């Protein structure tokens, strides 16, 4: 596997670990879960672009990125609508006036886990033992 691919996976895993810790934290950190969940998904989608030598654009649009790789990973089609909705958490929750709630955090984390599992399977990456 090429170096850019590994860099994207490593960054995606950092975001995943953060979201995973924050979903369990007390007090809750729903904005952090949603932001890092979205970032994890974005970076995993970009890892497939990197693996295939495709251009990685500066975008947070998960549905756009998904469309670029859907032929390689057709299982992602099932999640396209949810990915489009998750785009709101790339930027908005970082600023006052836009807050995620428990329902948002649970949905985003569930989506993140599902997408991560599909992409890791596609990439032939084993799940890390805890």
C-alpha atoms as a PDB file:
ATOM      1  CA  UNK A   1       0.000   0.000   0.000  1.00  0.00           C
ATOM      2  CA  UNK A   2       1.192   3.493  -0.740  1.00  0.00           C
ATOM      3  CA  UNK A   3       2.206   6.121   1.818  1.00  0.00           C
ATOM      4  CA  UNK A   4      -0.630   8.633   1.157  1.00  0.00           C
ATOM      5  CA  UNK A   5      -3.157   5.862   1.727  1.00  0.00           C
ATOM      6  CA  UNK A   6      -1.628   5.001   5.109  1.00  0.00           C
ATOM      7  CA  UNK A   7      -1.535   8.664   6.123  1.00  0.00           C
ATOM      8  CA  UNK A   8      -5.279   9.042   5.471  1.00  0.00           C
ATOM      9  CA  UNK A   9      -6.108   5.860   7.400  1.00  0.00           C
ATOM     10  CA  UNK A  10      -3.985   6.986  10.351  1.00  0.00           C
ATOM     11  CA  UNK A  11      -5.734  10.368  10.456  1.00  0.00           C
ATOM     12  CA  UNK A  12      -9.156   8.719  10.122  1.00  0.00           C
ATOM     13  CA  UNK A  13      -8.374   6.440  13.049  1.00  0.00           C
ATOM     14  CA  UNK A  14      -7.395   9.416  15.232  1.00  0.00           C
ATOM     15  CA  UNK A  15     -10.805  10.944  14.558  1.00  0.00           C
ATOM     16  CA  UNK A  16     -12.537   7.622  15.179  1.00  0.00           C
ATOM     17  CA  UNK A  17     -10.831   7.132  18.547  1.00  0.00           C
ATOM     18  CA  UNK A  18     -11.791  10.672  19.571  1.00  0.00           C
ATOM     19  CA  UNK A  19     -15.437  10.219  18.595  1.00  0.00           C
ATOM     20  CA  UNK A  20     -15.540   6.838  20.324  1.00  0.00           C
ATOM     21  CA  UNK A  21     -14.194   8.282  23.588  1.00  0.00           C
ATOM     22  CA  UNK A  22     -16.485  11.289  23.483  1.00  0.00           C
ATOM     23  CA  UNK A  23     -19.663   9.284  22.844  1.00  0.00           C
ATOM     24  CA  UNK A  24     -19.010   7.585  26.200  1.00  0.00           C
ATOM     25  CA  UNK A  25     -17.816  10.649  28.099  1.00  0.00           C
ATOM     26  CA  UNK A  26     -19.571  12.304  31.016  1.00  0.00           C
ATOM     27  CA  UNK A  27     -20.501  15.046  30.522  1.00  0.00           C
ATOM     28  CA  UNK A  28     -21.390  14.324  26.939  1.00  0.00           C
ATOM     29  CA  UNK A  29     -19.580  16.027  24.074  1.00  0.00           C
ATOM     30  CA  UNK A  30     -22.084  15.681  21.223  1.00  0.00           C
ATOM     31  CA  UNK A  31     -20.529  18.375  19.021  1.00  0.00           C
ATOM     32  CA  UNK A  32     -17.133  16.684  19.280  1.00  0.00           C
ATOM     33  CA  UNK A  33     -18.608  13.268  18.425  1.00  0.00           C
ATOM     34  CA  UNK A  34     -20.340  14.647  15.335  1.00  0.00           C
ATOM     35  CA  UNK A  35     -17.347  16.650  14.143  1.00  0.00           C
ATOM     36  CA  UNK A  36     -14.825  13.834  14.549  1.00  0.00           C
ATOM     37  CA  UNK A  37     -17.258  11.262  13.169  1.00  0.00           C
ATOM     38  CA  UNK A  38     -17.673  13.341  10.022  1.00  0.00           C
ATOM     39  CA  UNK A  39     -13.914  13.832   9.798  1.00  0.00           C
ATOM     40  CA  UNK A  40     -13.282  10.096  10.184  1.00  0.00           C
ATOM     41  CA  UNK A  41     -15.670   9.297   7.349  1.00  0.00           C
ATOM     42  CA  UNK A  42     -14.183  11.996   5.125  1.00  0.00           C
ATOM     43  CA  UNK A  43     -10.646  10.708   5.652  1.00  0.00           C
ATOM     44  CA  UNK A  44     -11.589   7.082   5.083  1.00  0.00           C
ATOM     45  CA  UNK A  45     -13.284   8.039   1.804  1.00  0.00           C
ATOM     46  CA  UNK A  46     -10.171   9.988   0.824  1.00  0.00           C
ATOM     47  CA  UNK A  47      -7.999   6.976   1.699  1.00  0.00           C
ATOM     48  CA  UNK A  48      -9.677   5.062  -1.116  1.00  0.00           C
ATOM     49  CA  UNK A  49      -8.986   7.936  -3.495  1.00  0.00           C
ATOM     50  CA  UNK A  50      -5.339   7.919  -2.389  1.00  0.00           C
ATOM     51  CA  UNK A  51      -5.057   4.158  -2.749  1.00  0.00           C
ATOM     52  CA  UNK A  52      -6.327   4.379  -6.310  1.00  0.00           C
ATOM     53  CA  UNK A  53      -4.138   7.371  -7.221  1.00  0.00           C
ATOM     54  CA  UNK A  54      -7.129   9.685  -7.688  1.00  0.00           C
ATOM     55  CA  UNK A  55      -7.194  13.421  -7.040  1.00  0.00           C
ATOM     56  CA  UNK A  56      -8.065  14.308  -3.443  1.00  0.00           C
ATOM     57  CA  UNK A  57      -9.946  17.564  -3.492  1.00  0.00           C
ATOM     58  CA  UNK A  58     -10.264  19.929  -0.555  1.00  0.00           C
ATOM     59  CA  UNK A  59     -13.869  19.212   0.252  1.00  0.00           C
ATOM     60  CA  UNK A  60     -15.874  18.060   3.249  1.00  0.00           C
ATOM     61  CA  UNK A  61     -18.751  16.794   1.055  1.00  0.00           C
ATOM     62  CA  UNK A  62     -19.104  13.139   1.999  1.00  0.00           C
ATOM     63  CA  UNK A  63     -21.724  12.371  -0.648  1.00  0.00           C
ATOM     64  CA  UNK A  64     -19.480  13.899  -3.340  1.00  0.00           C
ATOM     65  CA  UNK A  65     -16.497  11.826  -2.183  1.00  0.00           C
ATOM     66  CA  UNK A  66     -18.685   8.739  -1.989  1.00  0.00           C
ATOM     67  CA  UNK A  67     -19.832   9.245  -5.583  1.00  0.00           C
ATOM     68  CA  UNK A  68     -16.208   9.275  -6.719  1.00  0.00           C
ATOM     69  CA  UNK A  69     -15.569   5.798  -5.275  1.00  0.00           C
ATOM     70  CA  UNK A  70     -18.992   4.146  -5.402  1.00  0.00           C
ATOM     71  CA  UNK A  71     -17.973   1.901  -8.299  1.00  0.00           C
ATOM     72  CA  UNK A  72     -15.104   0.509  -6.189  1.00  0.00           C
ATOM     73  CA  UNK A  73     -17.197   0.124  -3.027  1.00  0.00           C
ATOM     74  CA  UNK A  74     -20.848  -0.272  -4.098  1.00  0.00           C
ATOM     75  CA  UNK A  75     -22.014  -1.037  -0.526  1.00  0.00           C
ATOM     76  CA  UNK A  76     -21.600   2.679   0.210  1.00  0.00           C
ATOM     77  CA  UNK A  77     -24.643   3.482  -1.961  1.00  0.00           C
ATOM     78  CA  UNK A  78     -26.878   2.419   0.925  1.00  0.00           C
ATOM     79  CA  UNK A  79     -25.446   5.262   3.055  1.00  0.00           C
ATOM     80  CA  UNK A  80     -25.409   8.129   0.534  1.00  0.00           C
ATOM     81  CA  UNK A  81     -28.417  10.003   1.957  1.00  0.00           C
ATOM     82  CA  UNK A  82     -27.027   9.784   5.482  1.00  0.00           C
ATOM     83  CA  UNK A  83     -23.597  10.931   4.302  1.00  0.00           C
ATOM     84  CA  UNK A  84     -25.163  13.996   2.720  1.00  0.00           C
ATOM     85  CA  UNK A  85     -26.824  14.906   6.036  1.00  0.00           C
ATOM     86  CA  UNK A  86     -23.570  14.357   7.951  1.00  0.00           C
ATOM     87  CA  UNK A  87     -21.856  17.122   5.959  1.00  0.00           C
ATOM     88  CA  UNK A  88     -23.410  19.710   8.290  1.00  0.00           C
ATOM     89  CA  UNK A  89     -21.154  18.485  11.080  1.00  0.00           C
ATOM     90  CA  UNK A  90     -17.911  19.241   9.207  1.00  0.00           C
ATOM     91  CA  UNK A  91     -17.944  22.917  10.122  1.00  0.00           C
ATOM     92  CA  UNK A  92     -21.131  24.165  11.775  1.00  0.00           C
ATOM     93  CA  UNK A  93     -20.777  22.443  15.167  1.00  0.00           C
ATOM     94  CA  UNK A  94     -17.400  24.080  15.674  1.00  0.00           C
ATOM     95  CA  UNK A  95     -19.060  27.468  16.176  1.00  0.00           C
ATOM     96  CA  UNK A  96     -21.632  28.945  18.581  1.00  0.00           C
ATOM     97  CA  UNK A  97     -25.245  28.741  17.523  1.00  0.00           C
ATOM     98  CA  UNK A  98     -25.054  25.250  16.038  1.00  0.00           C
ATOM     99  CA  UNK A  99     -25.197  22.376  18.464  1.00  0.00           C
ATOM    100  CA  UNK A 100     -25.558  18.654  18.041  1.00  0.00           C
ATOM    101  CA  UNK A 101     -27.776  16.742  20.437  1.00  0.00           C
ATOM    102  CA  UNK A 102     -27.651  13.174  21.707  1.00  0.00           C
ATOM    103  CA  UNK A 103     -29.706  11.894  18.779  1.00  0.00           C
ATOM    104  CA  UNK A 104     -27.343  13.556  16.285  1.00  0.00           C
ATOM    105  CA  UNK A 105     -24.297  12.120  18.030  1.00  0.00           C
ATOM    106  CA  UNK A 106     -25.730   8.602  18.142  1.00  0.00           C
ATOM    107  CA  UNK A 107     -26.699   8.697  14.443  1.00  0.00           C
ATOM    108  CA  UNK A 108     -23.351  10.082  13.318  1.00  0.00           C
ATOM    109  CA  UNK A 109     -21.367   7.630  15.414  1.00  0.00           C
ATOM    110  CA  UNK A 110     -23.425   4.688  14.143  1.00  0.00           C
ATOM    111  CA  UNK A 111     -22.895   5.878  10.555  1.00  0.00           C
ATOM    112  CA  UNK A 112     -19.177   6.371  11.197  1.00  0.00           C
ATOM    113  CA  UNK A 113     -18.823   2.837  12.550  1.00  0.00           C
ATOM    114  CA  UNK A 114     -20.680   1.361   9.569  1.00  0.00           C
ATOM    115  CA  UNK A 115     -18.707   3.277   6.955  1.00  0.00           C
ATOM    116  CA  UNK A 116     -15.411   2.562   8.734  1.00  0.00           C
ATOM    117  CA  UNK A 117     -16.179  -1.171   8.806  1.00  0.00           C
ATOM    118  CA  UNK A 118     -17.052  -1.288   5.085  1.00  0.00           C
ATOM    119  CA  UNK A 119     -13.975   0.666   4.023  1.00  0.00           C
ATOM    120  CA  UNK A 120     -11.584  -1.228   6.288  1.00  0.00           C
ATOM    121  CA  UNK A 121     -12.958  -4.483   4.873  1.00  0.00           C
ATOM    122  CA  UNK A 122     -12.498  -3.158   1.317  1.00  0.00           C
ATOM    123  CA  UNK A 123      -8.940  -2.110   2.147  1.00  0.00           C
ATOM    124  CA  UNK A 124      -8.140  -5.435   3.802  1.00  0.00           C
ATOM    125  CA  UNK A 125      -7.421  -3.848   7.169  1.00  0.00           C
ATOM    126  CA  UNK A 126      -7.948  -5.920  10.275  1.00  0.00           C
ATOM    127  CA  UNK A 127      -9.778  -4.566  13.272  1.00  0.00           C
ATOM    128  CA  UNK A 128      -7.434  -3.566  16.060  1.00  0.00           C
ATOM    129  CA  UNK A 129      -7.774  -5.472  19.331  1.00  0.00           C
ATOM    130  CA  UNK A 130      -8.536  -3.407  22.405  1.00  0.00           C
END
